[in-house]
Amino acid sequence: PLVGRAHELVRLCAARQRTFGGVPCTALVTGEAGIGKTRLVEEFMASADGVVLAGGCVPVVGEALPFAPVTQAIRDFVRRPDADRSALPAELNRLLPPDPSRPADPVATSVLDAPVSASAQVRLFESFLAFLGELGRTAERVTLVLEDLHWADRSTLDLVGFLARNLRTEPVFVVLTLRSDDVGPDTPFRLWLAEL
């Protein structure tokens, strides 16, 4: 059972209701390692109606994996029995491994292997925003959960900032978790967090 987090759960549910009532919200769940952020968010997701997309950042040695939580959320979404991967915008398909049930297209593969330019990143951000908006219109409500942002790469942080600033009328509620003891006072991440 969830213990000692009833107040936080009520606050998350209230923020979700504000979002679905037309006031965009992004919730940030912070705390030290082991305090129960993931457990709280799991309880919250279990009570969520509509579509829930969830992904987490991955701790790796060296540079963080670009767009790891978004890729996980999209990958889990397209694996659903009722999902149509062909409806996914091409820019988002770039984040996923090739579909083994379809023959490989060498031209498309070479395009997908090309480095991501600034303009391609903007198209990716816009495509993800449009995808969430369309999903929200068909499912009526979307909850996007991105966990462990303290391990996120710069591209993921830029995408999160983009969504927080550009979700306006879409019924999309964004929930972020981050470990506060992994964020130093004079780090670039702290500046990003202040801007968010």
Protein backbone atom coordinates (compact mmCIF):
# COMPACT_ATOMS: atom_id res chain seq x y z
CA PRO A 1 0.00 0.00 0.00
CA LEU A 2 0.97 3.61 -0.53
CA VAL A 3 1.91 5.07 2.85
CA GLY A 4 2.37 8.72 3.79
CA ARG A 5 1.87 10.19 0.33
CA ALA A 6 -1.87 10.89 0.25
CA HIS A 7 -1.31 14.68 0.13
CA GLU A 8 1.12 14.42 -2.80
CA LEU A 9 -1.22 12.06 -4.66
CA VAL A 10 -4.11 14.50 -4.21
CA ARG A 11 -1.94 17.34 -5.55
CA LEU A 12 -0.98 15.32 -8.65
CA CYS A 13 -4.62 14.42 -9.31
CA ALA A 14 -5.68 18.07 -8.89
CA ALA A 15 -2.99 19.22 -11.36
CA ARG A 16 -4.16 16.57 -13.82
CA GLN A 17 -7.75 17.81 -13.49
CA ARG A 18 -6.62 21.42 -14.11
CA THR A 19 -4.81 20.28 -17.25
CA PHE A 20 -7.82 18.40 -18.55
CA GLY A 21 -9.95 21.42 -17.66
CA GLY A 22 -7.92 23.57 -20.06
CA VAL A 23 -5.11 24.90 -17.85
CA PRO A 24 -1.83 23.26 -18.94
CA CYS A 25 0.27 21.88 -16.08
CA THR A 26 3.61 20.16 -15.72
CA ALA A 27 4.21 18.47 -12.37
CA LEU A 28 7.66 17.92 -10.93
CA VAL A 29 8.09 15.24 -8.26
CA THR A 30 11.41 15.65 -6.47
CA GLY A 31 13.07 14.04 -3.50
CA GLU A 32 16.10 12.12 -2.33
CA ALA A 33 16.92 8.65 -3.58
CA GLY A 34 14.59 6.01 -2.12
CA ILE A 35 11.99 8.45 -0.80
CA GLY A 36 9.21 6.94 -2.94
CA LYS A 37 8.91 9.13 -6.06
CA THR A 38 8.46 6.17 -8.39
CA ARG A 39 6.00 4.49 -6.03
CA LEU A 40 3.92 7.68 -5.87
CA VAL A 41 3.93 8.06 -9.65
CA GLU A 42 3.00 4.38 -10.14
CA GLU A 43 0.00 4.85 -7.85
CA PHE A 44 -0.93 7.99 -9.75
CA MET A 45 -0.64 6.26 -13.16
CA ALA A 46 -2.83 3.38 -11.94
CA SER A 47 -5.62 5.87 -11.28
CA ALA A 48 -5.19 7.79 -14.55
CA ASP A 49 -7.82 7.53 -17.24
CA GLY A 50 -7.10 7.95 -20.94
CA VAL A 51 -3.68 7.08 -22.35
CA VAL A 52 -0.60 6.93 -20.13
CA LEU A 53 2.81 7.15 -21.78
CA ALA A 54 5.78 6.53 -19.50
CA GLY A 55 9.53 6.33 -19.86
CA GLY A 56 12.62 6.80 -17.79
CA CYS A 57 16.11 8.14 -18.27
CA VAL A 58 18.85 5.55 -18.11
CA PRO A 59 22.06 5.92 -16.08
CA VAL A 60 24.97 5.14 -18.37
CA VAL A 61 28.72 5.62 -18.17
CA GLY A 62 29.67 8.60 -20.30
CA GLU A 63 26.99 10.55 -22.14
CA ALA A 64 23.31 9.97 -21.44
CA LEU A 65 21.18 8.26 -24.08
CA PRO A 66 19.43 10.88 -26.24
CA PHE A 67 15.65 10.95 -25.83
CA ALA A 68 15.71 7.72 -23.76
CA PRO A 69 12.45 8.31 -21.82
CA VAL A 70 10.57 9.50 -24.92
CA THR A 71 11.82 6.52 -26.94
CA GLN A 72 10.68 4.14 -24.20
CA ALA A 73 7.25 5.78 -23.99
CA ILE A 74 6.74 5.64 -27.76
CA ARG A 75 8.09 2.08 -28.00
CA ASP A 76 5.68 0.90 -25.29
CA PHE A 77 2.84 2.73 -27.02
CA VAL A 78 3.41 1.14 -30.46
CA ARG A 79 3.65 -2.32 -28.87
CA ARG A 80 0.04 -2.08 -27.71
CA PRO A 81 -2.26 -4.43 -29.64
CA ASP A 82 -4.47 -1.55 -30.84
CA ALA A 83 -1.59 0.75 -31.87
CA ASP A 84 -0.85 1.60 -35.50
CA ARG A 85 2.85 2.31 -35.93
CA SER A 86 2.26 3.71 -39.42
CA ALA A 87 0.28 6.56 -37.79
CA LEU A 88 3.42 7.63 -35.94
CA PRO A 89 5.13 10.67 -37.57
CA ALA A 90 8.35 9.83 -39.44
CA GLU A 91 10.40 11.98 -37.06
CA LEU A 92 9.25 9.87 -34.11
CA ASN A 93 9.81 6.63 -36.00
CA ARG A 94 13.45 7.72 -36.19
CA LEU A 95 13.70 7.12 -32.43
CA LEU A 96 12.53 3.50 -32.70
CA PRO A 97 14.35 0.42 -33.95
CA PRO A 98 13.18 -0.84 -37.39
CA ASP A 99 9.98 -2.87 -37.49
CA PRO A 100 11.14 -6.49 -38.04
CA SER A 101 7.85 -7.41 -39.72
CA ARG A 102 8.50 -4.98 -42.61
CA PRO A 103 11.25 -5.18 -45.26
CA ALA A 104 14.08 -2.72 -44.74
CA ASP A 105 14.14 0.37 -46.95
CA PRO A 106 17.81 1.26 -47.62
CA VAL A 107 17.01 4.91 -48.44
CA ALA A 108 14.98 5.37 -45.25
CA THR A 109 17.66 3.61 -43.21
CA SER A 110 20.40 5.93 -44.50
CA VAL A 111 18.25 8.97 -43.66
CA LEU A 112 17.58 7.65 -40.17
CA ASP A 113 21.28 7.00 -39.58
CA ALA A 114 22.21 10.59 -40.46
CA PRO A 115 23.14 12.89 -37.55
CA VAL A 116 20.36 15.02 -36.11
CA SER A 117 20.62 18.68 -37.15
CA ALA A 118 19.08 21.60 -35.26
CA SER A 119 16.23 21.82 -37.78
CA ALA A 120 15.62 18.07 -37.51
CA GLN A 121 15.47 18.43 -33.74
CA VAL A 122 12.86 21.19 -34.06
CA ARG A 123 10.82 18.95 -36.39
CA LEU A 124 11.12 16.13 -33.85
CA PHE A 125 9.88 18.40 -31.05
CA GLU A 126 6.98 19.67 -33.17
CA SER A 127 6.12 16.11 -34.26
CA PHE A 128 6.05 14.90 -30.66
CA LEU A 129 3.84 17.85 -29.66
CA ALA A 130 1.49 17.13 -32.59
CA PHE A 131 1.48 13.40 -31.76
CA LEU A 132 0.52 14.12 -28.14
CA GLY A 133 -2.15 16.59 -29.27
CA GLU A 134 -3.68 14.13 -31.73
CA LEU A 135 -3.53 11.34 -29.16
CA GLY A 136 -5.24 13.66 -26.68
CA ARG A 137 -8.01 14.42 -29.16
CA THR A 138 -8.70 10.74 -29.86
CA ALA A 139 -8.20 9.41 -26.31
CA GLU A 140 -9.48 12.61 -24.66
CA ARG A 141 -6.72 12.53 -22.04
CA VAL A 142 -2.99 11.82 -22.11
CA THR A 143 -0.61 11.57 -19.18
CA LEU A 144 3.09 11.65 -20.06
CA VAL A 145 5.43 10.49 -17.28
CA LEU A 146 9.19 10.97 -17.66
CA GLU A 147 11.22 9.62 -14.77
CA ASP A 148 14.74 10.23 -13.46
CA LEU A 149 15.42 13.49 -15.31
CA HIS A 150 18.64 13.88 -13.31
CA TRP A 151 20.09 11.32 -15.78
CA ALA A 152 18.66 13.03 -18.89
CA ASP A 153 20.73 14.23 -21.82
CA ARG A 154 20.51 17.83 -23.04
CA SER A 155 18.21 16.92 -25.96
CA THR A 156 15.67 15.33 -23.61
CA LEU A 157 15.78 18.35 -21.31
CA ASP A 158 15.26 20.65 -24.30
CA LEU A 159 12.26 18.57 -25.38
CA VAL A 160 10.74 18.69 -21.88
CA GLY A 161 11.19 22.47 -21.78
CA PHE A 162 9.62 22.74 -25.24
CA LEU A 163 6.59 20.71 -24.15
CA ALA A 164 6.15 22.66 -20.91
CA ARG A 165 6.12 25.92 -22.87
CA ASN A 166 4.04 24.79 -25.86
CA LEU A 167 1.29 22.54 -24.53
CA ARG A 168 -1.65 24.95 -24.51
CA THR A 169 -5.02 23.45 -25.38
CA GLU A 170 -3.96 19.81 -25.69
CA PRO A 171 -5.32 17.55 -22.92
CA VAL A 172 -1.81 16.37 -22.01
CA PHE A 173 -0.54 16.28 -18.43
CA VAL A 174 3.23 15.96 -18.00
CA VAL A 175 4.73 14.44 -14.84
CA LEU A 176 8.49 14.55 -14.25
CA THR A 177 10.53 12.94 -11.50
CA LEU A 178 14.01 13.82 -10.41
CA ARG A 179 16.36 12.92 -7.62
CA SER A 180 17.14 16.17 -5.79
CA ASP A 181 20.34 14.90 -4.17
CA ASP A 182 21.85 14.35 -7.65
CA VAL A 183 21.47 18.00 -8.66
CA GLY A 184 24.28 20.30 -7.51
CA PRO A 185 23.64 24.00 -6.83
CA ASP A 186 25.90 25.34 -9.61
CA THR A 187 25.18 22.86 -12.41
CA PRO A 188 23.67 23.53 -15.85
CA PHE A 189 20.83 21.22 -14.82
CA ARG A 190 19.94 23.54 -11.93
CA LEU A 191 19.71 26.46 -14.38
CA TRP A 192 17.47 24.38 -16.68
CA LEU A 193 15.27 23.50 -13.72
CA ALA A 194 14.95 27.15 -12.72
CA GLU A 195 13.87 28.04 -16.26
CA LEU A 196 11.34 25.22 -16.30
